[in-house]
N, C-alpha and C. Protein backbone atom coordinates (compact mmCIF):
# COMPACT_ATOMS: atom_id res chain seq x y z
N GLN A 1 0.84 -1.20 0.00
CA GLN A 1 0.00 0.00 0.00
C GLN A 1 0.87 1.25 0.00
N PHE A 2 1.85 1.29 -0.91
CA PHE A 2 2.83 2.37 -0.94
C PHE A 2 2.35 3.51 -1.83
N ILE A 3 2.44 4.73 -1.31
CA ILE A 3 2.16 5.94 -2.08
C ILE A 3 3.26 6.94 -1.78
N SER A 4 3.78 7.61 -2.83
CA SER A 4 4.84 8.58 -2.58
C SER A 4 4.89 9.63 -3.68
N PHE A 5 5.30 10.82 -3.30
CA PHE A 5 5.59 11.87 -4.26
C PHE A 5 7.06 11.83 -4.64
N HIS A 6 7.33 12.15 -5.90
CA HIS A 6 8.71 12.30 -6.37
C HIS A 6 9.35 13.44 -5.58
N PRO A 7 10.56 13.26 -5.03
CA PRO A 7 11.12 14.29 -4.15
C PRO A 7 11.54 15.59 -4.84
N THR A 8 11.76 15.57 -6.15
CA THR A 8 12.19 16.79 -6.84
C THR A 8 11.22 17.25 -7.92
N ASN A 9 10.21 16.46 -8.23
CA ASN A 9 9.18 16.84 -9.21
C ASN A 9 7.83 16.62 -8.57
N TYR A 10 7.25 17.67 -8.00
CA TYR A 10 6.02 17.51 -7.22
C TYR A 10 4.81 17.13 -8.07
N ASN A 11 4.93 17.15 -9.38
CA ASN A 11 3.83 16.72 -10.24
C ASN A 11 3.74 15.20 -10.35
N ILE A 12 4.80 14.49 -10.00
CA ILE A 12 4.83 13.04 -10.14
C ILE A 12 4.53 12.39 -8.80
N ALA A 13 3.61 11.45 -8.82
CA ALA A 13 3.29 10.66 -7.64
C ALA A 13 3.12 9.20 -8.05
N TYR A 14 3.56 8.30 -7.19
CA TYR A 14 3.41 6.87 -7.41
C TYR A 14 2.34 6.33 -6.47
N ALA A 15 1.45 5.52 -7.02
CA ALA A 15 0.41 4.88 -6.21
C ALA A 15 0.05 3.55 -6.86
N GLY A 16 0.55 2.47 -6.27
CA GLY A 16 0.27 1.16 -6.84
C GLY A 16 0.87 1.02 -8.22
N TYR A 17 0.02 0.64 -9.17
CA TYR A 17 0.47 0.47 -10.55
C TYR A 17 0.46 1.77 -11.34
N TYR A 18 0.11 2.88 -10.72
CA TYR A 18 -0.04 4.14 -11.44
C TYR A 18 1.07 5.12 -11.11
N LYS A 19 1.54 5.81 -12.15
CA LYS A 19 2.41 6.97 -11.98
C LYS A 19 1.64 8.18 -12.48
N PHE A 20 1.27 9.04 -11.56
CA PHE A 20 0.59 10.28 -11.92
C PHE A 20 1.64 11.29 -12.34
N THR A 21 1.39 11.97 -13.46
CA THR A 21 2.41 12.84 -14.03
C THR A 21 2.06 14.32 -13.94
N ASN A 22 0.87 14.65 -13.47
CA ASN A 22 0.48 16.05 -13.31
C ASN A 22 -0.45 16.18 -12.11
N ILE A 23 -0.03 15.57 -10.99
CA ILE A 23 -0.91 15.46 -9.84
C ILE A 23 -1.25 16.82 -9.25
N ASP A 24 -0.45 17.85 -9.54
CA ASP A 24 -0.74 19.19 -9.03
C ASP A 24 -2.01 19.76 -9.63
N SER A 25 -2.36 19.30 -10.84
CA SER A 25 -3.52 19.85 -11.53
C SER A 25 -4.68 18.88 -11.67
N ASP A 26 -4.40 17.58 -11.83
CA ASP A 26 -5.47 16.63 -12.03
C ASP A 26 -5.01 15.23 -11.63
N ASN A 27 -5.97 14.33 -11.54
CA ASN A 27 -5.64 12.94 -11.21
C ASN A 27 -5.96 12.01 -12.37
N THR A 28 -6.04 12.56 -13.58
CA THR A 28 -6.30 11.73 -14.75
C THR A 28 -5.05 11.54 -15.62
N SER A 29 -4.06 12.42 -15.46
CA SER A 29 -2.82 12.29 -16.22
C SER A 29 -1.93 11.25 -15.53
N LYS A 30 -2.08 10.01 -15.98
CA LYS A 30 -1.34 8.94 -15.32
C LYS A 30 -0.93 7.88 -16.31
N THR A 31 0.09 7.14 -15.93
CA THR A 31 0.59 6.01 -16.70
C THR A 31 0.39 4.75 -15.88
N THR A 32 -0.09 3.69 -16.52
CA THR A 32 -0.19 2.40 -15.85
C THR A 32 1.12 1.65 -16.04
N LEU A 33 1.76 1.34 -14.93
CA LEU A 33 3.06 0.68 -14.98
C LEU A 33 2.90 -0.83 -15.05
N SER A 34 3.91 -1.51 -15.55
CA SER A 34 3.84 -2.97 -15.66
C SER A 34 4.00 -3.66 -14.31
N LYS A 35 4.60 -2.95 -13.34
CA LYS A 35 4.77 -3.49 -11.99
C LYS A 35 4.31 -2.45 -10.98
N ARG A 36 3.85 -2.94 -9.83
CA ARG A 36 3.40 -2.07 -8.76
C ARG A 36 4.62 -1.49 -8.03
N VAL A 37 4.60 -0.20 -7.76
CA VAL A 37 5.68 0.44 -7.02
C VAL A 37 5.47 0.18 -5.53
N ASP A 38 6.49 -0.42 -4.88
CA ASP A 38 6.43 -0.73 -3.46
C ASP A 38 7.41 0.08 -2.64
N ALA A 39 8.32 0.80 -3.28
CA ALA A 39 9.28 1.64 -2.57
C ALA A 39 9.92 2.59 -3.58
N MET A 40 10.44 3.70 -3.06
CA MET A 40 11.14 4.68 -3.88
C MET A 40 12.42 5.08 -3.17
N TYR A 41 13.49 5.26 -3.92
CA TYR A 41 14.74 5.73 -3.32
C TYR A 41 14.58 7.21 -2.99
N PRO A 42 14.70 7.60 -1.73
CA PRO A 42 14.44 9.00 -1.37
C PRO A 42 15.43 9.99 -1.97
N GLY A 43 16.60 9.52 -2.36
CA GLY A 43 17.59 10.42 -2.95
C GLY A 43 17.38 10.70 -4.42
N ASN A 44 16.52 9.92 -5.08
CA ASN A 44 16.27 10.10 -6.51
C ASN A 44 14.92 9.44 -6.83
N GLY A 45 13.90 10.24 -7.03
CA GLY A 45 12.57 9.71 -7.26
C GLY A 45 12.37 8.98 -8.57
N ASP A 46 13.39 9.00 -9.44
CA ASP A 46 13.32 8.20 -10.67
C ASP A 46 13.52 6.72 -10.36
N ILE A 47 14.11 6.40 -9.20
CA ILE A 47 14.45 5.03 -8.85
C ILE A 47 13.35 4.46 -7.95
N VAL A 48 12.67 3.44 -8.46
CA VAL A 48 11.59 2.81 -7.71
C VAL A 48 11.77 1.29 -7.73
N TYR A 49 11.03 0.61 -6.84
CA TYR A 49 11.21 -0.82 -6.63
C TYR A 49 9.86 -1.50 -6.58
N SER A 50 9.85 -2.78 -6.93
CA SER A 50 8.63 -3.58 -6.88
C SER A 50 8.96 -4.95 -6.32
N VAL A 51 8.09 -5.44 -5.46
CA VAL A 51 8.26 -6.77 -4.87
C VAL A 51 7.30 -7.73 -5.56
N GLY A 52 7.80 -8.86 -6.01
CA GLY A 52 6.96 -9.81 -6.72
C GLY A 52 7.40 -11.24 -6.49
N SER A 53 6.86 -12.12 -7.29
CA SER A 53 7.10 -13.54 -7.12
C SER A 53 8.02 -14.08 -8.19
N SER A 54 8.83 -15.07 -7.79
CA SER A 54 9.63 -15.85 -8.72
C SER A 54 9.53 -17.30 -8.29
N GLY A 55 8.46 -17.95 -8.71
CA GLY A 55 8.22 -19.31 -8.27
C GLY A 55 7.93 -19.34 -6.78
N SER A 56 8.68 -20.10 -6.03
CA SER A 56 8.49 -20.17 -4.58
C SER A 56 9.35 -19.14 -3.84
N TYR A 57 9.97 -18.23 -4.58
CA TYR A 57 10.82 -17.20 -4.00
C TYR A 57 10.19 -15.82 -4.17
N THR A 58 10.72 -14.84 -3.44
CA THR A 58 10.33 -13.44 -3.60
C THR A 58 11.44 -12.73 -4.37
N ARG A 59 11.04 -11.91 -5.34
CA ARG A 59 12.00 -11.19 -6.17
C ARG A 59 11.73 -9.70 -6.08
N ILE A 60 12.80 -8.92 -5.98
CA ILE A 60 12.69 -7.46 -5.95
C ILE A 60 13.21 -6.90 -7.26
N TYR A 61 12.37 -6.09 -7.89
CA TYR A 61 12.70 -5.44 -9.16
C TYR A 61 13.06 -3.98 -8.92
N LYS A 62 13.90 -3.45 -9.80
CA LYS A 62 14.33 -2.06 -9.69
C LYS A 62 14.15 -1.36 -11.03
N SER A 63 13.71 -0.10 -10.98
CA SER A 63 13.61 0.73 -12.16
C SER A 63 14.35 2.03 -11.90
N ILE A 64 15.12 2.50 -12.87
CA ILE A 64 15.81 3.78 -12.73
C ILE A 64 15.19 4.84 -13.63
N ASP A 65 14.04 4.52 -14.25
CA ASP A 65 13.39 5.47 -15.15
C ASP A 65 11.90 5.61 -14.84
N GLU A 66 11.60 5.75 -13.54
CA GLU A 66 10.23 6.01 -13.07
C GLU A 66 9.27 4.88 -13.40
N GLY A 67 9.76 3.66 -13.47
CA GLY A 67 8.89 2.51 -13.69
C GLY A 67 8.66 2.15 -15.14
N SER A 68 9.36 2.79 -16.07
CA SER A 68 9.18 2.46 -17.49
C SER A 68 9.77 1.09 -17.82
N THR A 69 10.97 0.81 -17.31
CA THR A 69 11.61 -0.49 -17.51
C THR A 69 12.11 -1.00 -16.16
N TRP A 70 12.25 -2.33 -16.06
CA TRP A 70 12.60 -2.96 -14.79
C TRP A 70 13.72 -3.97 -14.97
N THR A 71 14.58 -4.08 -13.96
CA THR A 71 15.61 -5.12 -13.90
C THR A 71 15.47 -5.83 -12.56
N ASN A 72 16.16 -6.96 -12.39
CA ASN A 72 16.17 -7.65 -11.09
C ASN A 72 17.62 -7.91 -10.67
N PRO A 73 18.28 -6.87 -10.14
CA PRO A 73 19.71 -6.99 -9.80
C PRO A 73 19.98 -7.65 -8.46
N TYR A 74 18.94 -8.01 -7.71
CA TYR A 74 19.14 -8.53 -6.35
C TYR A 74 18.86 -10.03 -6.31
N PRO A 75 19.46 -10.73 -5.37
CA PRO A 75 19.19 -12.17 -5.27
C PRO A 75 17.76 -12.43 -4.81
N ASP A 76 17.17 -13.52 -5.28
CA ASP A 76 15.83 -13.89 -4.84
C ASP A 76 15.85 -14.28 -3.37
N ILE A 77 14.76 -13.98 -2.68
CA ILE A 77 14.64 -14.24 -1.25
C ILE A 77 13.90 -15.56 -1.05
N PRO A 78 14.43 -16.45 -0.21
CA PRO A 78 13.84 -17.79 -0.08
C PRO A 78 12.59 -17.83 0.80
N THR A 79 11.58 -17.10 0.38
CA THR A 79 10.27 -17.15 1.04
C THR A 79 9.22 -16.84 -0.01
N SER A 80 8.06 -17.44 0.12
CA SER A 80 7.02 -17.27 -0.89
C SER A 80 6.42 -15.87 -0.81
N TYR A 81 6.28 -15.24 -1.96
CA TYR A 81 5.65 -13.92 -2.02
C TYR A 81 4.16 -14.02 -1.78
N PHE A 82 3.57 -15.12 -2.15
CA PHE A 82 2.12 -15.28 -2.03
C PHE A 82 1.73 -15.53 -0.57
N GLY A 83 0.50 -15.19 -0.24
CA GLY A 83 -0.01 -15.41 1.11
C GLY A 83 0.32 -14.27 2.06
N GLY A 84 0.76 -13.13 1.54
CA GLY A 84 1.02 -11.97 2.37
C GLY A 84 2.22 -12.10 3.27
N ALA A 85 3.18 -12.93 2.89
CA ALA A 85 4.33 -13.16 3.77
C ALA A 85 5.33 -12.02 3.73
N THR A 86 5.35 -11.24 2.66
CA THR A 86 6.29 -10.13 2.58
C THR A 86 5.60 -8.86 3.01
N GLY A 87 6.32 -8.07 3.79
CA GLY A 87 5.78 -6.81 4.29
C GLY A 87 6.45 -5.62 3.62
N GLN A 88 6.76 -4.62 4.43
CA GLN A 88 7.27 -3.36 3.93
C GLN A 88 8.69 -3.50 3.41
N LEU A 89 8.96 -2.78 2.30
CA LEU A 89 10.30 -2.67 1.73
C LEU A 89 10.80 -1.26 1.99
N ALA A 90 12.00 -1.13 2.57
CA ALA A 90 12.60 0.17 2.83
C ALA A 90 13.95 0.25 2.14
N ILE A 91 14.30 1.46 1.69
CA ILE A 91 15.55 1.67 0.97
C ILE A 91 16.47 2.53 1.82
N ASP A 92 17.73 2.15 1.90
CA ASP A 92 18.70 2.95 2.61
C ASP A 92 18.78 4.33 1.95
N PRO A 93 18.57 5.42 2.68
CA PRO A 93 18.58 6.76 2.06
C PRO A 93 19.92 7.15 1.46
N ALA A 94 20.99 6.46 1.83
CA ALA A 94 22.31 6.80 1.30
C ALA A 94 22.81 5.82 0.25
N ASN A 95 22.03 4.77 -0.04
CA ASN A 95 22.50 3.73 -0.96
C ASN A 95 21.29 3.09 -1.66
N PRO A 96 21.09 3.37 -2.94
CA PRO A 96 19.92 2.82 -3.64
C PRO A 96 19.98 1.31 -3.84
N ASP A 97 21.11 0.69 -3.54
CA ASP A 97 21.22 -0.76 -3.68
C ASP A 97 21.39 -1.47 -2.34
N LYS A 98 20.92 -0.83 -1.27
CA LYS A 98 20.84 -1.48 0.03
C LYS A 98 19.40 -1.41 0.50
N LEU A 99 18.77 -2.59 0.58
CA LEU A 99 17.34 -2.67 0.83
C LEU A 99 17.07 -3.44 2.11
N TYR A 100 15.92 -3.15 2.72
CA TYR A 100 15.46 -3.88 3.90
C TYR A 100 14.04 -4.37 3.64
N LEU A 101 13.83 -5.67 3.81
CA LEU A 101 12.52 -6.26 3.55
C LEU A 101 12.04 -6.99 4.79
N ALA A 102 10.83 -6.65 5.24
CA ALA A 102 10.23 -7.35 6.37
C ALA A 102 9.47 -8.57 5.85
N VAL A 103 9.70 -9.72 6.47
CA VAL A 103 9.04 -10.97 6.09
C VAL A 103 8.43 -11.58 7.34
N TRP A 104 7.19 -12.01 7.25
CA TRP A 104 6.51 -12.57 8.42
C TRP A 104 5.67 -13.77 8.00
N GLY A 105 5.31 -14.61 8.93
CA GLY A 105 4.34 -15.67 8.71
C GLY A 105 4.68 -16.65 7.61
N ALA A 106 5.95 -16.81 7.29
CA ALA A 106 6.35 -17.71 6.21
C ALA A 106 7.64 -18.40 6.62
N SER A 107 8.20 -19.17 5.71
CA SER A 107 9.51 -19.75 5.98
C SER A 107 10.55 -18.63 5.99
N ASN A 108 11.52 -18.73 6.88
CA ASN A 108 12.63 -17.78 6.98
C ASN A 108 12.20 -16.33 7.19
N PRO A 109 11.30 -16.07 8.17
CA PRO A 109 10.89 -14.68 8.38
C PRO A 109 11.94 -13.88 9.14
N GLY A 110 11.76 -12.57 9.15
CA GLY A 110 12.67 -11.66 9.82
C GLY A 110 12.88 -10.42 8.97
N ILE A 111 13.93 -9.69 9.25
CA ILE A 111 14.30 -8.52 8.45
C ILE A 111 15.47 -8.91 7.55
N TYR A 112 15.26 -8.79 6.24
CA TYR A 112 16.30 -9.10 5.27
C TYR A 112 17.06 -7.83 4.89
N ILE A 113 18.38 -7.92 4.93
CA ILE A 113 19.25 -6.86 4.43
C ILE A 113 19.78 -7.34 3.09
N ILE A 114 19.44 -6.60 2.03
CA ILE A 114 19.67 -7.08 0.67
C ILE A 114 20.55 -6.09 -0.09
N THR A 115 21.56 -6.61 -0.79
CA THR A 115 22.37 -5.83 -1.71
C THR A 115 22.49 -6.63 -3.01
N THR A 116 23.14 -6.06 -3.98
CA THR A 116 23.34 -6.80 -5.23
C THR A 116 24.25 -8.00 -5.02
N ALA A 117 25.06 -7.97 -3.97
CA ALA A 117 26.02 -9.05 -3.72
C ALA A 117 25.42 -10.21 -2.93
N GLY A 118 24.27 -10.01 -2.27
CA GLY A 118 23.69 -11.08 -1.47
C GLY A 118 22.72 -10.53 -0.45
N TYR A 119 22.38 -11.36 0.54
CA TYR A 119 21.46 -10.93 1.58
C TYR A 119 21.79 -11.65 2.88
N SER A 120 21.30 -11.08 3.96
CA SER A 120 21.33 -11.74 5.26
C SER A 120 19.98 -11.52 5.92
N VAL A 121 19.58 -12.45 6.78
CA VAL A 121 18.29 -12.32 7.47
C VAL A 121 18.54 -12.21 8.97
N LYS A 122 17.86 -11.26 9.58
CA LYS A 122 17.97 -11.05 11.02
C LYS A 122 16.69 -11.55 11.68
N ASN A 123 16.85 -12.38 12.72
CA ASN A 123 15.70 -13.02 13.36
C ASN A 123 15.91 -13.05 14.87
N ALA A 124 15.37 -14.08 15.53
CA ALA A 124 15.43 -14.14 16.99
C ALA A 124 16.86 -14.20 17.51
N SER A 125 17.76 -14.77 16.75
CA SER A 125 19.15 -14.83 17.21
C SER A 125 19.84 -13.47 17.14
N HIS A 126 19.15 -12.49 16.55
CA HIS A 126 19.70 -11.14 16.46
C HIS A 126 18.90 -10.15 17.29
N GLY A 127 18.00 -10.65 18.15
CA GLY A 127 17.25 -9.78 19.06
C GLY A 127 15.80 -9.56 18.72
N LEU A 128 15.34 -10.03 17.55
CA LEU A 128 13.93 -9.92 17.20
C LEU A 128 13.16 -11.07 17.88
N THR A 129 12.26 -10.74 18.77
CA THR A 129 11.56 -11.75 19.55
C THR A 129 10.60 -12.54 18.68
N ASN A 130 10.54 -13.86 18.91
CA ASN A 130 9.56 -14.68 18.21
C ASN A 130 8.16 -14.34 18.69
N GLY A 131 7.19 -14.46 17.77
CA GLY A 131 5.81 -14.24 18.12
C GLY A 131 5.22 -15.47 18.79
N LEU A 132 3.91 -15.65 18.64
CA LEU A 132 3.24 -16.80 19.25
C LEU A 132 3.80 -18.10 18.69
N GLY A 133 4.17 -18.06 17.41
CA GLY A 133 4.81 -19.22 16.81
C GLY A 133 6.29 -19.23 17.14
N SER A 134 7.07 -19.86 16.30
CA SER A 134 8.51 -19.99 16.57
C SER A 134 9.33 -19.09 15.67
N SER A 135 8.76 -17.95 15.28
CA SER A 135 9.47 -17.05 14.39
C SER A 135 8.99 -15.61 14.61
N PRO A 136 9.79 -14.62 14.23
CA PRO A 136 9.35 -13.23 14.33
C PRO A 136 8.27 -12.92 13.29
N ASP A 137 7.35 -12.03 13.65
CA ASP A 137 6.27 -11.64 12.74
C ASP A 137 6.48 -10.20 12.30
N THR A 138 7.61 -9.94 11.68
CA THR A 138 7.98 -8.58 11.27
C THR A 138 7.26 -8.23 9.97
N LEU A 139 6.44 -7.17 10.02
CA LEU A 139 5.68 -6.76 8.85
C LEU A 139 6.13 -5.40 8.32
N TYR A 140 6.73 -4.57 9.20
CA TYR A 140 7.12 -3.23 8.80
C TYR A 140 8.59 -2.98 9.13
N VAL A 141 9.23 -2.16 8.30
CA VAL A 141 10.61 -1.77 8.54
C VAL A 141 10.80 -0.35 7.99
N ALA A 142 11.56 0.46 8.72
CA ALA A 142 11.83 1.84 8.30
C ALA A 142 13.24 2.22 8.71
N VAL A 143 13.86 3.11 7.91
CA VAL A 143 15.22 3.58 8.16
C VAL A 143 15.16 5.05 8.56
N ASP A 144 15.94 5.43 9.56
CA ASP A 144 16.05 6.83 9.95
C ASP A 144 16.84 7.56 8.87
N PRO A 145 16.24 8.55 8.18
CA PRO A 145 16.97 9.22 7.09
C PRO A 145 18.14 10.06 7.57
N ASN A 146 18.20 10.36 8.87
CA ASN A 146 19.30 11.14 9.42
C ASN A 146 20.48 10.29 9.86
N ASP A 147 20.23 9.00 10.08
CA ASP A 147 21.29 8.08 10.50
C ASP A 147 20.91 6.70 9.99
N THR A 148 21.52 6.28 8.91
CA THR A 148 21.11 5.03 8.26
C THR A 148 21.52 3.79 9.04
N ASN A 149 22.23 3.97 10.16
CA ASN A 149 22.49 2.84 11.05
C ASN A 149 21.30 2.54 11.96
N VAL A 150 20.34 3.46 12.01
CA VAL A 150 19.18 3.31 12.89
C VAL A 150 17.98 2.83 12.08
N LEU A 151 17.44 1.68 12.45
CA LEU A 151 16.28 1.11 11.79
C LEU A 151 15.23 0.74 12.82
N TYR A 152 13.99 0.65 12.35
CA TYR A 152 12.89 0.23 13.21
C TYR A 152 12.13 -0.90 12.53
N ALA A 153 11.66 -1.83 13.33
CA ALA A 153 10.83 -2.94 12.83
C ALA A 153 9.56 -3.01 13.65
N GLY A 154 8.45 -3.31 12.97
CA GLY A 154 7.17 -3.40 13.65
C GLY A 154 6.51 -4.74 13.40
N TYR A 155 5.86 -5.27 14.44
CA TYR A 155 5.16 -6.54 14.38
C TYR A 155 3.66 -6.30 14.26
N TRP A 156 3.01 -7.17 13.52
CA TRP A 156 1.56 -7.17 13.42
C TRP A 156 1.08 -8.54 13.89
N PHE A 157 0.04 -8.57 14.73
CA PHE A 157 -0.30 -9.86 15.31
C PHE A 157 -1.08 -10.76 14.38
N GLY A 158 -1.96 -10.21 13.51
CA GLY A 158 -2.72 -11.05 12.58
C GLY A 158 -3.41 -12.18 13.30
N ASN A 159 -3.18 -13.39 12.85
CA ASN A 159 -3.74 -14.57 13.52
C ASN A 159 -2.68 -15.28 14.35
N LYS A 160 -1.63 -14.55 14.71
CA LYS A 160 -0.49 -15.15 15.39
C LYS A 160 -0.53 -14.95 16.90
N GLY A 161 -1.63 -14.37 17.43
CA GLY A 161 -1.69 -14.13 18.86
C GLY A 161 -1.09 -12.77 19.18
N GLN A 162 -0.40 -12.66 20.31
CA GLN A 162 0.13 -11.38 20.73
C GLN A 162 1.23 -10.87 19.79
N SER A 163 1.18 -9.55 19.52
CA SER A 163 2.26 -8.91 18.79
C SER A 163 3.40 -8.61 19.76
N LYS A 164 4.59 -8.52 19.23
CA LYS A 164 5.74 -8.17 20.06
C LYS A 164 6.12 -6.70 19.91
N GLY A 165 5.40 -5.96 19.06
CA GLY A 165 5.53 -4.52 19.04
C GLY A 165 6.64 -3.96 18.20
N LEU A 166 7.44 -3.07 18.81
CA LEU A 166 8.42 -2.28 18.10
C LEU A 166 9.84 -2.64 18.51
N PHE A 167 10.73 -2.66 17.50
CA PHE A 167 12.14 -2.96 17.75
C PHE A 167 13.00 -1.92 17.04
N ARG A 168 14.19 -1.70 17.60
CA ARG A 168 15.13 -0.74 17.01
C ARG A 168 16.50 -1.38 16.88
N SER A 169 17.17 -1.01 15.79
CA SER A 169 18.57 -1.39 15.58
C SER A 169 19.38 -0.11 15.45
N THR A 170 20.55 -0.08 16.06
CA THR A 170 21.45 1.07 15.93
C THR A 170 22.75 0.71 15.22
N ASP A 171 22.79 -0.50 14.66
CA ASP A 171 24.01 -0.94 13.96
C ASP A 171 23.70 -1.45 12.56
N GLY A 172 22.79 -0.75 11.88
CA GLY A 172 22.50 -1.09 10.50
C GLY A 172 21.66 -2.34 10.32
N GLY A 173 20.93 -2.75 11.35
CA GLY A 173 20.05 -3.90 11.25
C GLY A 173 20.65 -5.21 11.69
N ASN A 174 21.89 -5.19 12.17
CA ASN A 174 22.53 -6.44 12.57
C ASN A 174 21.99 -6.99 13.89
N THR A 175 21.73 -6.09 14.86
CA THR A 175 21.14 -6.52 16.14
C THR A 175 19.97 -5.60 16.47
N TRP A 176 19.01 -6.14 17.26
CA TRP A 176 17.76 -5.44 17.53
C TRP A 176 17.42 -5.51 19.02
N SER A 177 16.68 -4.50 19.49
CA SER A 177 16.17 -4.51 20.86
C SER A 177 14.74 -3.97 20.87
N ASN A 178 13.95 -4.46 21.82
CA ASN A 178 12.56 -4.05 21.93
C ASN A 178 12.47 -2.64 22.52
N ILE A 179 11.62 -1.79 21.94
CA ILE A 179 11.46 -0.42 22.43
C ILE A 179 9.99 -0.11 22.74
N ASN A 180 9.22 -1.12 23.14
CA ASN A 180 7.82 -0.88 23.49
C ASN A 180 7.68 0.10 24.65
N GLY A 181 8.60 0.04 25.59
CA GLY A 181 8.55 0.95 26.73
C GLY A 181 7.23 0.85 27.47
N ASN A 182 6.65 1.99 27.81
CA ASN A 182 5.41 1.98 28.60
C ASN A 182 4.16 1.74 27.74
N LEU A 183 4.33 1.41 26.46
CA LEU A 183 3.18 1.08 25.62
C LEU A 183 2.68 -0.34 25.87
N GLY A 184 3.44 -1.12 26.61
CA GLY A 184 3.01 -2.47 26.91
C GLY A 184 3.65 -3.49 26.00
N SER A 185 3.18 -4.71 26.11
CA SER A 185 3.85 -5.82 25.41
C SER A 185 3.06 -6.34 24.21
N ASN A 186 1.92 -5.75 23.91
CA ASN A 186 1.08 -6.28 22.84
C ASN A 186 0.64 -5.14 21.92
N ILE A 187 1.58 -4.63 21.13
CA ILE A 187 1.32 -3.51 20.23
C ILE A 187 1.20 -4.04 18.81
N ALA A 188 0.05 -3.84 18.18
CA ALA A 188 -0.14 -4.25 16.79
C ALA A 188 0.18 -3.07 15.89
N VAL A 189 1.33 -3.11 15.25
CA VAL A 189 1.77 -2.01 14.40
C VAL A 189 1.05 -2.09 13.06
N GLN A 190 0.49 -0.97 12.61
CA GLN A 190 -0.24 -0.92 11.36
C GLN A 190 0.45 -0.04 10.31
N GLY A 191 1.61 0.44 10.63
CA GLY A 191 2.38 1.26 9.70
C GLY A 191 3.60 1.78 10.44
N LEU A 192 4.63 2.18 9.71
CA LEU A 192 5.87 2.60 10.37
C LEU A 192 6.60 3.58 9.46
N THR A 193 6.92 4.75 10.03
CA THR A 193 7.72 5.73 9.29
C THR A 193 8.48 6.57 10.30
N VAL A 194 9.55 7.24 9.83
CA VAL A 194 10.37 8.08 10.68
C VAL A 194 10.29 9.51 10.18
N ASN A 195 9.96 10.45 11.07
CA ASN A 195 9.89 11.86 10.73
C ASN A 195 11.30 12.35 10.41
N PRO A 196 11.56 12.87 9.18
CA PRO A 196 12.92 13.25 8.82
C PRO A 196 13.41 14.50 9.54
N TYR A 197 12.50 15.25 10.17
CA TYR A 197 12.88 16.49 10.85
C TYR A 197 13.11 16.28 12.34
N THR A 198 12.24 15.48 12.98
CA THR A 198 12.33 15.29 14.42
C THR A 198 12.91 13.95 14.81
N ARG A 199 12.99 13.02 13.84
CA ARG A 199 13.46 11.64 14.05
C ARG A 199 12.49 10.83 14.90
N GLU A 200 11.30 11.35 15.16
CA GLU A 200 10.28 10.57 15.87
C GLU A 200 9.74 9.48 14.97
N VAL A 201 9.31 8.36 15.60
CA VAL A 201 8.76 7.24 14.86
C VAL A 201 7.24 7.36 14.87
């Protein structure tokens, strides 16, 4: 459910399969893209990403021309795209080829750190608490645009029982700690973003 404005051309907005090209004046000037936009590189709004399926794997596509053409420069992720197992995709604000993908409720869930050279998955052994089942239920991930070593992950309970809430990493996603604080132990996160001015979540 990603929607974003191009950071340097306020007439362009991405919403699902549509790229609006004159959003300042109307909502009919749009192009239907071949892939749904699921993330945009904040440093260059021409660069967008789409999450899709490759058999029993999840594949991330990249476009450097506002969704006109697509490539798949990243390794496939060993979890099924179908069944809602993949969550939010976040892009490192300083590196268009460093991605973070939240995966939940499937095989190999956790937060994936993805580059063109490979990927690693962070799970309970890295501080992300398992949900009611035997795995983390991470659905959301966001990067602090002021410090790309700081990331946040959010859990959604769905049909998994209690949510484990909010987690933070201060070392680029390698290790995580719970930051629920006085909000309690059962927080169902429904979205996650970081204010670029105040750094509040």
